[in-house]
Amino acid sequence: MNNQFNYSSRQAGLTLVEILVAITIGLMVMAGVVQLYATSSKTQQVQEGASRLQENARFIFARLSQDISQTGFIGCLNMDEHTDDDVDVQVYLTQDAGPGEVFNFEESLSATEGDQLLGTDSLVVRHASTAGRVPLVARSESTQSIWVDENHGNYASLEQHQVVMVANCGLARIFMITNDPETSNGEIQHAVGVVSPEGQSNNNDSLEGRFGYTQLDANNRQYEYGGTVAYLYPAGGTAQVYAVGTSAAAAGGGVCSVANPELCSLFINQNEIAQGVEDFQIQVGWLDNAGNIRITNAAGVPEWGDVDRIQVTMTLNSINQVPNEQGGGLDRQTFSKTFMVRNQLR
């Protein structure tokens, strides 16, 4: 028996129109993905810029709060009472010790109007930091060397030509170390005639006072000034200068300027702490005799010893270009905060 099978074959495919429609739909989907990626990328750049601004502002304000809250503090000695008969503060330096300068401890804080790059202000706060102090271990008088604990954890931070302060509850002296503490076994000298690479030197080899123990005995230590021990404080813990300068990130001769504000940074004693700070302004306040709050800029302060609050206003930029309505540029934000000067509150 013969079985016959009939096969009908029909080859089906896509027409040109269908192919074009599919391609168009694919291109539209791809364009949407690309647009979504571009938008996401721009949003990320803007968020990163804003995040950097806020992080830098928080860090700067935290550091300012720490320094300003300690202004006028030197252990049990209060600099703001140094005119009293029982308190004596002297500076034995040939540089940076005049009115308004870094080591002028006639004022526990000061600021200068528009003396830095881009017309920004500078701020100087003066205090001693317990974090860096080294205790004296022997009595010293006038021209004698100061002896400190060479086994103390902070001793390694002491260096030749470093400006330091030695203080107890009645005396404070600011001078430059003239020998090398690394090889002196705890001896700190303060001679005249020794000049640092920056030109700093001492103008008096006498500290004009006694510091340290009157008697060194493990069971019966007697101190000068009614039971107070003396400490040596590094200069980094006694005078902090806040000022705007050119960032270390600047290359090819670039400088902080109106044209290049991303190269501006805030410095403390020549140490860069935050890039992108293009404006730094100081206003201060105090209570007058009638109990009214007076507010002025740094140039209008009649007596820095009366200042009990400092308002810091600063403008920070994103450092890197971020997308905006004009196509791209630096993101900027201005921050302002008022700090109370704890050791001068009345």
Foldseek 3Di string as FASTA:
>chain_A
DDDDDDDDDDDDDDDPVRVVVVVVVVVVVVVVVVVVVVVVVQVVQVVLLVVQVVVLVVVVVVVVQVQLQQQQEDPLAGLLCQVDPQAPEEEFKPPQQDPPGFNVSPFQKAKDFQPAAPRAIKIKGFHFDPVQKWFFQDKDFWLAWTFTQCPDPNLVVDAAQFWKWKDKHRYIYIAGFHDGSVPPNRTTAQDAPRADPVGMHGNGSTSHGMAAWPDRDPVDTHGPPHRIHMIMGTSLRTMWMKGKWFAPPDPDPDTCHPVQVQRIAIDIPNHGDGGFWNHKFKKWWFADPVRDIDIDGRVPDPDSLRTFKMKIKIKGWSSDWHQDPVGIDIDIDIDMDMHTNNSRDD
